[in-house]
Amino acid sequence: MGETLKISELRGQTAHLANLNNINVIMGRNGAGKSRFLRDIEELTSRSKQTFYVRYISPERAGSFKRDGNILTNMSNNTDWLRQTRAVNQAVNFKAASAMLFREAETLYLRRLARTPEIRMDSNRNFETDRLSKVNQLLTNISLEMGAADFEFRSLADGQPISPDEISSGESEAVALATEILYFFDTIDPTKFNVLLLDEPDVHLHPDLQARLAKLIIAMLDEFKSQADSIAVCLSTHSSPLVCSLAASQYVSIGTKSFAVDTVELKPTSAELRKVAPFFGHPLSLSLSEDAAMILEGEDDERVWQQAARTSQGRIKLFPVLAGSVDQQSELEVFCVDLLGTLYDNPVAFSLRDGDGVVDQPLEHRLPIKRYRLQCYAIENALLTDPCLAVMGRTWEDFVAAAMEWVCKNPEHRDVKLIEELAGSDNRLQHKKIKKIRQLICAILMCKKPWEVVVGQAIGALTNEDLTNSNMLIAFLGAGMASDIVFRNTA
């Protein structure tokens, strides 16, 4: 491929999109200037027709998905007519133009079929399977089918034809967007750098449809991966389902656009985005439940806090986001700081780390993420607090007696010294690693519950009054953390 195809950035008059990938997601609050940013890039790149092939899809896409002769005339008389009418936020008769392009997409596909033996010789590939089916994968109640003279919509319930004017706005939106995406890929020019600018493609689409649209874009890139070096899809969005559906793809990078800042630095989707994708992928349920993301260091912590949320009967509103290490926890914190601010008006999130023997060294918050360190070595140390022992129907004195009895019966056990040290400790080994005996502690006390369940149930049973009373579990967790995370005291 020629040198002109190896483009790593796009520039407009002021806009600068750096570190291009095949799919480039631009996020930002309303008023941040995302639409102006994309139109600025479209205007300048469209002037360089020897280098770029560019298509811009406006955020408000009006009209019905049915062919219009006047639009065909305008498109025929002026090759720039379609581009000029769409270089605004609201494009009148957008969907009618899409309907014209879908007919043209059929012709383009048939030409490609004729000149591509590997497609032509595959009996499973044709316009219906490769193109029409991709549109219909976005639809649930209707289908777009090849009629006698034109494409037509039909009800999946009774097979009856439906006028384009009668289908829902979301359905017509999905069909028009799918058409634009298919048309772009079927018209890419291997001698140029091909750019598709999608301005808020999630508008009017249900979250499930947004996710399906993302899969369509990925599927088309898979089909044209031999030309991937010359393709960039750039989309602006507020949609967490759309972003999260794209998250697992190797093609995707993401950046945030802020007001009065015209350079967007893209970063490849990483393990961090994949970790937080389940949280950001369900904005409706999270808005209703008021769950807050809480970045945790390991699976043990996740199980404890899931149990705590269940025991609290909905009072503890958390969505655990699991990091694999302390380093990844730091990376997740940095990643989420920007992303949270682009998605929510009043974002709330937490990060909780093990104490690891560190005492009285609080972490600085990275707002909107509040960061805390346990006031014990790790979450399993809380197992020795009075509230956790009470869940097992025991007291500290019960444990000491049972532990010494166990030592007498198992003098050769590898963990005898640690159990003896624990039983004789005046602070219950609050700041010492006890990971290898946490299950043994439950066994010594003849508790059949997993230790994570015990600690989670004790946390879930805490009340606001425990903050002012002497409560050993809150002392091990940290009063500030308990106030913010367990009781959500944000005042």
Protein backbone atom coordinates (compact mmCIF):
# COMPACT_ATOMS: atom_id res chain seq x y z
CA MET A 1 0.00 0.00 0.00
CA GLY A 2 1.08 3.54 -0.63
CA GLU A 3 2.44 5.90 1.97
CA THR A 4 -0.71 8.01 1.89
CA LEU A 5 -2.62 5.18 3.56
CA LYS A 6 -0.46 5.13 6.68
CA ILE A 7 -2.18 8.00 8.44
CA SER A 8 -2.04 8.24 12.22
CA GLU A 9 -3.97 11.47 12.73
CA LEU A 10 -6.75 13.58 11.26
CA ARG A 11 -6.71 17.38 11.33
CA GLY A 12 -9.28 20.04 10.64
CA GLN A 13 -8.98 23.79 10.87
CA THR A 14 -8.60 23.48 14.63
CA ALA A 15 -9.56 19.88 15.42
CA HIS A 16 -6.84 17.29 15.90
CA LEU A 17 -7.56 13.56 16.30
CA ALA A 18 -4.32 11.78 17.22
CA ASN A 19 -3.23 8.13 17.32
CA LEU A 20 -5.85 6.76 14.93
CA ASN A 21 -7.11 3.21 15.14
CA ASN A 22 -9.69 1.57 12.87
CA ILE A 23 -12.53 2.50 15.23
CA ASN A 24 -12.05 5.72 17.16
CA VAL A 25 -14.51 6.62 19.91
CA ILE A 26 -14.80 10.24 21.02
CA MET A 27 -16.68 10.83 24.26
CA GLY A 28 -17.59 14.08 25.94
CA ARG A 29 -20.34 15.99 27.72
CA ASN A 30 -23.04 17.94 25.88
CA GLY A 31 -21.55 21.22 24.70
CA ALA A 32 -18.02 19.83 24.58
CA GLY A 33 -17.97 20.42 20.82
CA LYS A 34 -17.91 16.84 19.50
CA SER A 35 -20.11 17.58 16.47
CA ARG A 36 -18.14 20.69 15.54
CA PHE A 37 -14.96 18.69 16.00
CA LEU A 38 -16.08 16.02 13.51
CA ARG A 39 -17.43 18.55 11.00
CA ASP A 40 -14.15 20.45 11.16
CA ILE A 41 -12.28 17.28 10.25
CA GLU A 42 -14.81 16.46 7.52
CA GLU A 43 -14.50 19.88 5.90
CA LEU A 44 -10.73 19.87 5.51
CA THR A 45 -10.27 16.20 4.64
CA SER A 46 -13.02 16.39 2.01
CA ARG A 47 -10.99 19.05 0.21
CA SER A 48 -8.09 16.61 -0.13
CA LYS A 49 -9.89 14.24 -2.48
CA GLN A 50 -6.64 12.78 -3.79
CA THR A 51 -5.82 11.53 -0.29
CA PHE A 52 -9.11 11.03 1.52
CA TYR A 53 -12.49 9.46 0.92
CA VAL A 54 -14.72 10.86 3.70
CA ARG A 55 -18.35 10.38 4.70
CA TYR A 56 -19.97 12.31 7.56
CA ILE A 57 -23.18 11.12 9.26
CA SER A 58 -24.98 13.90 11.15
CA PRO A 59 -26.46 13.34 14.64
CA GLU A 60 -30.10 14.17 13.83
CA ARG A 61 -31.27 12.08 10.89
CA ALA A 62 -34.77 12.99 9.71
CA GLY A 63 -37.17 11.60 7.12
CA SER A 64 -38.44 8.13 6.16
CA PHE A 65 -36.51 5.23 4.67
CA LYS A 66 -38.08 5.35 1.22
CA ARG A 67 -36.64 6.38 -2.10
CA ASP A 68 -37.30 9.90 -3.36
CA GLY A 69 -36.78 10.88 -7.00
CA ASN A 70 -35.94 14.47 -6.09
CA ILE A 71 -33.05 13.28 -3.98
CA LEU A 72 -31.80 11.10 -6.80
CA THR A 73 -31.92 14.12 -9.10
CA ASN A 74 -30.00 16.27 -6.64
CA MET A 75 -27.38 13.59 -6.13
CA SER A 76 -26.98 13.16 -9.88
CA ASN A 77 -26.70 16.87 -10.62
CA ASN A 78 -24.22 17.69 -7.86
CA THR A 79 -21.74 15.15 -6.57
CA ASP A 80 -21.25 17.24 -3.43
CA TRP A 81 -24.98 17.73 -2.73
CA LEU A 82 -25.27 14.88 -0.23
CA ARG A 83 -22.14 15.91 1.64
CA GLN A 84 -23.26 19.52 1.83
CA THR A 85 -26.76 18.70 3.11
CA ARG A 86 -25.33 16.50 5.83
CA ALA A 87 -22.64 18.89 7.06
CA VAL A 88 -25.08 20.13 9.71
CA ASN A 89 -26.47 18.77 12.98
CA GLN A 90 -29.91 18.10 11.51
CA ALA A 91 -30.11 16.51 8.07
CA VAL A 92 -33.54 16.74 6.40
CA ASN A 93 -34.53 13.62 4.42
CA PHE A 94 -31.44 11.82 5.67
CA LYS A 95 -33.21 8.45 5.64
CA ALA A 96 -34.61 8.95 2.16
CA ALA A 97 -31.06 9.44 0.92
CA SER A 98 -30.04 6.31 2.81
CA ALA A 99 -32.74 4.39 0.95
CA MET A 100 -31.24 5.55 -2.33
CA LEU A 101 -27.80 4.45 -1.17
CA PHE A 102 -29.08 1.01 -0.18
CA ARG A 103 -30.18 0.37 -3.75
CA GLU A 104 -26.75 1.55 -4.91
CA ALA A 105 -25.10 -0.69 -2.28
CA GLU A 106 -26.81 -3.67 -3.87
CA THR A 107 -25.36 -2.78 -7.26
CA LEU A 108 -21.91 -2.26 -5.75
CA TYR A 109 -22.02 -5.63 -4.00
CA LEU A 110 -23.09 -7.43 -7.17
CA ARG A 111 -20.17 -5.84 -9.03
CA ARG A 112 -17.81 -6.94 -6.28
CA LEU A 113 -19.31 -10.41 -6.43
CA ALA A 114 -18.67 -10.58 -10.17
CA ARG A 115 -15.00 -9.66 -9.87
CA THR A 116 -14.19 -11.65 -6.71
CA PRO A 117 -14.04 -15.41 -7.40
CA GLU A 118 -13.70 -16.44 -3.74
CA ILE A 119 -17.03 -14.76 -2.96
CA ARG A 120 -18.73 -15.85 -6.16
CA MET A 121 -17.77 -19.51 -5.67
CA ASP A 122 -19.13 -19.58 -2.10
CA SER A 123 -22.77 -20.67 -2.35
CA ASN A 124 -23.48 -19.22 1.10
CA ARG A 125 -22.57 -15.68 0.12
CA ASN A 126 -24.81 -13.26 -1.73
CA PHE A 127 -26.34 -9.82 -1.16
CA GLU A 128 -29.01 -11.18 1.15
CA THR A 129 -26.58 -13.06 3.41
CA ASP A 130 -23.72 -10.54 3.35
CA ARG A 131 -25.68 -7.28 3.46
CA LEU A 132 -29.42 -7.58 3.96
CA SER A 133 -29.04 -9.98 6.88
CA LYS A 134 -26.75 -7.50 8.64
CA VAL A 135 -29.49 -4.89 8.50
CA ASN A 136 -32.09 -7.34 9.76
CA GLN A 137 -29.92 -8.32 12.71
CA LEU A 138 -30.67 -4.84 14.06
CA LEU A 139 -34.44 -5.34 13.83
CA THR A 140 -36.72 -7.32 16.15
CA ASN A 141 -40.30 -6.76 14.92
CA ILE A 142 -39.84 -6.15 11.20
CA SER A 143 -37.55 -7.22 8.40
CA LEU A 144 -36.23 -5.50 5.28
CA GLU A 145 -36.73 -7.74 2.27
CA MET A 146 -36.18 -7.70 -1.46
CA GLY A 147 -39.54 -7.03 -3.08
CA ALA A 148 -40.56 -7.32 -6.70
CA ALA A 149 -39.51 -3.78 -7.59
CA ASP A 150 -37.87 -2.39 -4.49
CA PHE A 151 -36.91 -3.22 -0.92
CA GLU A 152 -39.85 -3.38 1.46
CA PHE A 153 -40.52 -3.74 5.17
CA ARG A 154 -42.56 -6.66 6.45
CA SER A 155 -43.97 -7.51 9.85
CA LEU A 156 -42.36 -10.54 11.48
CA ALA A 157 -45.69 -11.26 13.19
CA ASP A 158 -47.86 -11.78 10.10
CA GLY A 159 -45.58 -11.18 7.10
CA GLN A 160 -47.63 -8.22 5.91
CA PRO A 161 -45.88 -5.28 4.22
CA ILE A 162 -45.42 -2.09 6.26
CA SER A 163 -45.01 1.40 4.88
CA PRO A 164 -41.66 3.06 5.73
CA ASP A 165 -43.70 5.88 7.27
CA GLU A 166 -45.24 3.47 9.77
CA ILE A 167 -42.15 1.85 11.27
CA SER A 168 -40.78 3.24 14.52
CA SER A 169 -38.20 6.00 14.58
CA GLY A 170 -35.71 3.63 16.19
CA GLU A 171 -36.22 1.00 13.50
CA SER A 172 -35.86 3.48 10.65
CA GLU A 173 -32.83 4.95 12.41
CA ALA A 174 -31.21 1.52 12.66
CA VAL A 175 -31.87 0.71 9.00
CA ALA A 176 -30.55 4.07 7.80
CA LEU A 177 -27.38 3.82 9.90
CA ALA A 178 -26.74 0.24 8.82
CA THR A 179 -27.15 1.32 5.21
CA GLU A 180 -24.67 4.16 5.62
CA ILE A 181 -22.12 1.84 7.22
CA LEU A 182 -22.52 -0.83 4.54
CA TYR A 183 -22.34 1.75 1.77
CA PHE A 184 -19.16 3.25 3.20
CA PHE A 185 -17.39 -0.10 3.28
CA ASP A 186 -18.58 -1.09 -0.17
CA THR A 187 -17.26 2.18 -1.59
CA ILE A 188 -13.86 2.35 0.12
CA ASP A 189 -11.06 3.35 -2.20
CA PRO A 190 -7.83 1.35 -1.63
CA THR A 191 -5.79 4.20 -3.11
CA LYS A 192 -7.02 6.66 -0.46
CA PHE A 193 -7.48 6.88 3.29
CA ASN A 194 -11.14 6.13 3.97
CA VAL A 195 -12.86 7.91 6.85
CA LEU A 196 -16.39 7.39 8.19
CA LEU A 197 -17.44 10.08 10.69
CA LEU A 198 -20.45 8.96 12.75
CA ASP A 199 -21.87 11.73 14.91
CA GLU A 200 -23.82 10.18 17.81
CA PRO A 201 -25.03 7.04 16.02
CA ASP A 202 -26.76 5.98 19.26
CA VAL A 203 -29.45 8.68 18.99
CA HIS A 204 -32.99 7.18 19.14
CA LEU A 205 -31.67 3.63 19.52
CA HIS A 206 -32.46 1.31 22.42
CA PRO A 207 -29.29 0.18 24.30
CA ASP A 208 -29.54 -3.30 22.76
CA LEU A 209 -29.66 -1.76 19.29
CA GLN A 210 -26.66 0.39 20.10
CA ALA A 211 -24.69 -2.71 21.02
CA ARG A 212 -25.77 -4.48 17.83
CA LEU A 213 -24.74 -1.48 15.76
CA ALA A 214 -21.26 -1.73 17.27
CA LYS A 215 -21.09 -5.39 16.28
CA LEU A 216 -22.06 -4.47 12.72
CA ILE A 217 -19.15 -2.03 12.48
CA ILE A 218 -16.75 -4.67 13.81
CA ALA A 219 -18.13 -7.28 11.40
CA MET A 220 -17.54 -4.97 8.43
CA LEU A 221 -13.97 -4.31 9.51
CA ASP A 222 -13.43 -8.05 9.77
CA GLU A 223 -14.71 -8.42 6.21
CA PHE A 224 -12.38 -5.68 4.94
CA LYS A 225 -9.42 -6.43 7.21
CA SER A 226 -7.09 -6.78 4.22
CA GLN A 227 -7.62 -3.03 3.69
CA ALA A 228 -7.70 -2.09 7.37
CA ASP A 229 -4.65 0.18 7.06
CA SER A 230 -6.71 2.56 4.94
CA ILE A 231 -9.89 2.64 7.08
CA ALA A 232 -10.83 4.78 10.08
CA VAL A 233 -14.31 4.94 11.60
CA CYS A 234 -14.56 7.90 13.98
CA LEU A 235 -17.66 8.18 16.14
CA SER A 236 -18.76 10.53 18.87
CA THR A 237 -21.14 9.17 21.47
CA HIS A 238 -22.65 9.40 24.94
CA SER A 239 -23.56 5.71 24.80
CA SER A 240 -21.91 3.38 27.28
CA PRO A 241 -23.58 0.29 25.70
CA LEU A 242 -22.11 1.25 22.33
CA VAL A 243 -18.64 1.79 23.80
CA CYS A 244 -18.76 -1.40 25.82
CA SER A 245 -19.91 -3.46 22.85
CA LEU A 246 -16.84 -2.18 21.01
CA ALA A 247 -14.55 -2.65 24.00
CA ALA A 248 -13.35 -6.18 23.30
CA SER A 249 -12.33 -5.39 19.72
CA GLN A 250 -8.73 -5.00 18.69
CA TYR A 251 -9.80 -2.23 16.32
CA VAL A 252 -10.93 0.28 18.95
CA SER A 253 -9.34 3.31 20.62
CA ILE A 254 -11.06 5.86 22.83
CA GLY A 255 -10.53 9.51 23.74
CA THR A 256 -12.41 12.29 25.50
CA LYS A 257 -13.31 15.71 24.09
CA SER A 258 -13.53 18.61 26.50
CA PHE A 259 -14.85 22.11 25.90
CA ALA A 260 -12.26 24.47 24.32
CA VAL A 261 -9.80 21.56 23.93
CA ASP A 262 -9.47 20.62 20.27
CA THR A 263 -6.93 17.81 20.49
CA VAL A 264 -8.25 14.35 21.27
CA GLU A 265 -5.56 11.81 22.14
CA LEU A 266 -6.85 8.33 21.43
CA LYS A 267 -5.77 5.32 23.45
CA PRO A 268 -6.38 1.68 22.48
CA THR A 269 -9.09 -0.07 24.45
CA SER A 270 -7.29 -1.99 27.10
CA ALA A 271 -7.76 -4.42 29.90
CA GLU A 272 -9.02 -1.43 31.90
CA LEU A 273 -11.96 -0.74 29.60
CA ARG A 274 -12.81 -4.43 29.40
CA LYS A 275 -12.81 -4.57 33.19
CA VAL A 276 -15.23 -1.67 33.59
CA ALA A 277 -17.36 -2.52 30.53
CA PRO A 278 -19.96 -4.53 32.51
CA PHE A 279 -20.52 -1.52 34.76
CA PHE A 280 -20.77 1.13 32.06
CA GLY A 281 -22.72 -1.20 29.77
CA HIS A 282 -25.90 -0.99 31.82
CA PRO A 283 -26.61 2.71 32.41
CA LEU A 284 -30.39 2.38 32.80
CA SER A 285 -30.27 -0.22 35.56
CA LEU A 286 -27.44 1.64 37.27
CA SER A 287 -29.35 4.91 37.17
CA LEU A 288 -32.33 3.22 38.79
CA SER A 289 -30.34 1.33 41.42
CA GLU A 290 -27.78 4.08 42.10
CA ASP A 291 -25.00 1.52 42.11
CA ALA A 292 -21.51 2.96 42.22
CA ALA A 293 -18.48 1.30 40.70
CA MET A 294 -15.97 0.07 43.26
CA ILE A 295 -12.55 -0.97 41.99
CA LEU A 296 -11.24 -3.90 44.00
CA GLU A 297 -7.90 -5.61 44.13
CA GLY A 298 -8.93 -9.26 43.89
CA GLU A 299 -11.65 -11.88 43.59
CA ASP A 300 -11.80 -12.36 47.36
CA ASP A 301 -12.79 -8.72 47.84
CA GLU A 302 -15.36 -9.02 45.07
CA ARG A 303 -17.09 -11.99 46.74
CA VAL A 304 -17.09 -10.25 50.12
CA TRP A 305 -18.72 -7.08 48.78
CA GLN A 306 -21.23 -8.96 46.65
CA GLN A 307 -22.32 -10.78 49.79
CA ALA A 308 -22.39 -7.50 51.73
CA ALA A 309 -24.70 -5.95 49.13
CA ARG A 310 -27.04 -8.95 49.27
CA THR A 311 -27.11 -9.00 53.08
CA SER A 312 -27.85 -5.26 53.25
CA GLN A 313 -31.01 -5.84 51.18
CA GLY A 314 -30.12 -3.12 48.72
CA ARG A 315 -28.79 -0.53 51.17
CA ILE A 316 -25.20 -1.06 50.00
CA LYS A 317 -25.27 -0.05 46.34
CA LEU A 318 -22.05 -1.18 44.70
CA PHE A 319 -20.92 -2.68 41.41
CA PRO A 320 -17.56 -4.43 41.95
CA VAL A 321 -14.97 -3.83 39.23
CA LEU A 322 -12.19 -6.36 39.60
CA ALA A 323 -8.54 -5.48 39.06
CA GLY A 324 -5.96 -8.23 38.78
CA SER A 325 -3.20 -6.43 40.64
CA VAL A 326 -2.33 -3.22 42.46
CA ASP A 327 -0.81 -1.83 39.26
CA GLN A 328 -3.95 -2.56 37.29
CA GLN A 329 -6.02 -1.00 40.05
CA SER A 330 -4.06 2.23 39.57
CA GLU A 331 -4.57 2.04 35.80
CA LEU A 332 -8.30 1.50 36.28
CA GLU A 333 -8.51 4.51 38.56
CA VAL A 334 -6.83 6.78 36.01
CA PHE A 335 -8.94 5.40 33.17
CA CYS A 336 -12.24 5.81 35.02
CA VAL A 337 -11.63 9.37 36.18
CA ASP A 338 -12.10 10.77 32.64
CA LEU A 339 -14.73 8.28 31.53
CA LEU A 340 -17.03 8.80 34.52
CA GLY A 341 -17.10 12.54 33.93
CA THR A 342 -18.21 12.10 30.33
CA LEU A 343 -21.10 9.75 31.18
CA TYR A 344 -22.67 11.03 34.38
CA ASP A 345 -23.65 14.43 35.78
CA ASN A 346 -22.80 13.52 39.37
CA PRO A 347 -20.49 10.52 39.16
CA VAL A 348 -19.70 8.50 42.27
CA ALA A 349 -17.11 5.74 42.33
CA PHE A 350 -14.74 4.14 44.79
CA SER A 351 -11.48 2.26 44.89
CA LEU A 352 -10.56 0.07 47.85
CA ARG A 353 -7.07 -1.33 48.44
CA ASP A 354 -5.63 -3.78 50.92
CA GLY A 355 -3.79 -2.33 53.87
CA ASP A 356 -0.73 -4.54 53.19
CA GLY A 357 0.72 -3.57 56.55
CA VAL A 358 0.56 0.17 55.87
CA VAL A 359 -0.87 2.06 58.86
CA ASP A 360 -2.28 5.60 58.99
CA GLN A 361 -1.35 6.56 55.42
CA PRO A 362 -4.61 7.55 53.72
CA LEU A 363 -4.81 7.63 49.94
CA GLU A 364 -5.54 10.86 48.08
CA HIS A 365 -8.83 10.86 46.22
CA ARG A 366 -8.85 11.11 42.42
CA LEU A 367 -12.27 12.68 42.08
CA PRO A 368 -14.79 11.54 41.17
CA ILE A 369 -13.13 8.36 42.46
CA LYS A 370 -12.73 8.21 46.22
CA ARG A 371 -9.79 6.00 47.19
CA TYR A 372 -9.48 4.12 50.45
CA ARG A 373 -7.10 1.71 52.09
CA LEU A 374 -8.32 -0.99 54.48
CA GLN A 375 -7.20 -0.46 58.06
CA CYS A 376 -6.13 -4.09 58.21
CA TYR A 377 -3.74 -6.15 56.10
CA ALA A 378 -6.44 -7.56 53.80
CA ILE A 379 -10.18 -8.13 53.85
CA GLU A 380 -9.82 -11.61 55.43
CA ASN A 381 -8.33 -10.03 58.56
CA ALA A 382 -11.81 -8.69 59.31
CA LEU A 383 -12.79 -12.32 59.96
CA LEU A 384 -11.31 -11.98 63.48
CA THR A 385 -13.40 -8.95 64.45
CA ASP A 386 -16.22 -9.32 66.94
CA PRO A 387 -19.05 -8.73 64.36
CA CYS A 388 -17.65 -11.45 62.07
CA LEU A 389 -17.17 -13.87 64.97
CA ALA A 390 -20.77 -13.13 65.96
CA VAL A 391 -21.95 -14.19 62.48
CA MET A 392 -20.36 -17.56 63.28
CA GLY A 393 -22.03 -17.60 66.70
CA ARG A 394 -18.71 -17.20 68.50
CA THR A 395 -16.66 -14.70 70.50
CA TRP A 396 -12.94 -13.94 70.56
CA GLU A 397 -12.64 -15.95 73.78
CA ASP A 398 -14.33 -18.89 72.01
CA PHE A 399 -11.79 -18.67 69.22
CA VAL A 400 -8.80 -18.55 71.57
CA ALA A 401 -10.03 -21.63 73.45
CA ALA A 402 -10.85 -23.53 70.24
CA ALA A 403 -7.53 -22.52 68.68
CA MET A 404 -5.44 -23.80 71.61
CA GLU A 405 -7.40 -27.05 71.62
CA TRP A 406 -6.73 -27.40 67.89
CA VAL A 407 -3.00 -26.75 68.43
CA CYS A 408 -2.83 -29.53 71.02
CA LYS A 409 -4.48 -31.95 68.61
CA ASN A 410 -2.43 -30.90 65.55
CA PRO A 411 1.10 -30.13 66.82
CA GLU A 412 2.69 -31.03 63.46
CA HIS A 413 0.40 -28.91 61.32
CA ARG A 414 2.28 -26.41 59.15
CA ASP A 415 0.19 -23.49 60.41
CA VAL A 416 0.47 -24.18 64.15
CA LYS A 417 2.82 -21.25 64.83
CA LEU A 418 0.58 -18.74 63.04
CA ILE A 419 -2.52 -19.98 64.87
CA GLU A 420 -0.66 -19.71 68.19
CA GLU A 421 0.50 -16.20 67.30
CA LEU A 422 -3.04 -15.21 66.39
CA ALA A 423 -4.54 -16.60 69.58
CA GLY A 424 -1.98 -14.72 71.65
CA SER A 425 -2.22 -11.47 69.72
CA ASP A 426 -3.55 -8.34 71.44
CA ASN A 427 -4.70 -6.82 68.11
CA ARG A 428 -5.82 -10.05 66.40
CA LEU A 429 -3.00 -9.71 63.84
CA GLN A 430 -4.81 -6.73 62.32
CA HIS A 431 -1.82 -5.76 60.16
CA LYS A 432 -0.32 -9.18 59.44
CA LYS A 433 -0.96 -11.47 56.48
CA ILE A 434 -3.24 -14.36 57.45
CA LYS A 435 -4.36 -15.44 53.99
CA LYS A 436 -3.24 -19.06 54.36
CA ILE A 437 -5.23 -19.65 57.55
CA ARG A 438 -8.48 -17.88 56.76
CA GLN A 439 -10.34 -21.08 55.92
CA LEU A 440 -8.68 -22.82 58.86
CA ILE A 441 -10.10 -20.18 61.21
CA CYS A 442 -13.63 -21.07 60.08
CA ALA A 443 -12.85 -24.78 60.45
CA ILE A 444 -11.51 -24.33 64.00
CA LEU A 445 -14.75 -22.58 64.91
CA MET A 446 -16.75 -25.33 63.15
CA CYS A 447 -18.34 -22.77 60.82
CA LYS A 448 -19.48 -24.22 57.52
CA LYS A 449 -19.87 -20.83 55.84
CA PRO A 450 -17.06 -19.70 53.52
CA TRP A 451 -15.03 -16.91 55.11
CA GLU A 452 -16.09 -14.45 52.38
CA VAL A 453 -19.74 -15.01 53.28
CA VAL A 454 -19.03 -14.45 56.98
CA VAL A 455 -17.24 -11.13 56.37
CA GLY A 456 -19.78 -10.00 53.77
CA GLN A 457 -22.71 -10.75 56.05
CA ALA A 458 -21.09 -8.84 58.90
CA ILE A 459 -20.48 -5.79 56.67
CA GLY A 460 -24.02 -5.96 55.31
CA ALA A 461 -25.44 -5.96 58.83
CA LEU A 462 -23.62 -2.78 59.89
CA THR A 463 -25.73 0.27 60.71
CA ASN A 464 -25.02 3.98 60.75
CA GLU A 465 -25.03 3.86 64.54
CA ASP A 466 -21.96 1.61 64.41
CA LEU A 467 -19.96 4.61 63.16
CA THR A 468 -20.37 6.37 66.50
CA ASN A 469 -20.19 3.28 68.68
CA SER A 470 -17.12 1.17 69.30
CA ASN A 471 -17.22 -1.34 66.45
CA MET A 472 -14.15 -3.41 65.69
CA LEU A 473 -15.22 -4.25 62.11
CA ILE A 474 -15.49 -0.55 61.22
CA ALA A 475 -12.08 -0.01 62.79
CA PHE A 476 -10.63 -2.73 60.52
CA LEU A 477 -12.41 -1.36 57.44
CA GLY A 478 -11.75 2.31 58.20
CA ALA A 479 -14.38 4.75 59.44
CA GLY A 480 -14.09 7.07 56.44
CA MET A 481 -14.46 4.22 53.99
CA ALA A 482 -17.42 2.75 55.89
CA SER A 483 -19.15 6.13 56.00
CA ASP A 484 -18.76 6.72 52.26
CA ILE A 485 -19.05 3.21 50.81
CA VAL A 486 -21.19 1.24 53.23
CA PHE A 487 -23.56 4.04 54.27
CA ARG A 488 -23.05 6.46 51.35
CA ASN A 489 -22.81 9.44 53.70
CA THR A 490 -21.77 12.01 51.12
CA ALA A 491 -22.39 15.15 53.12
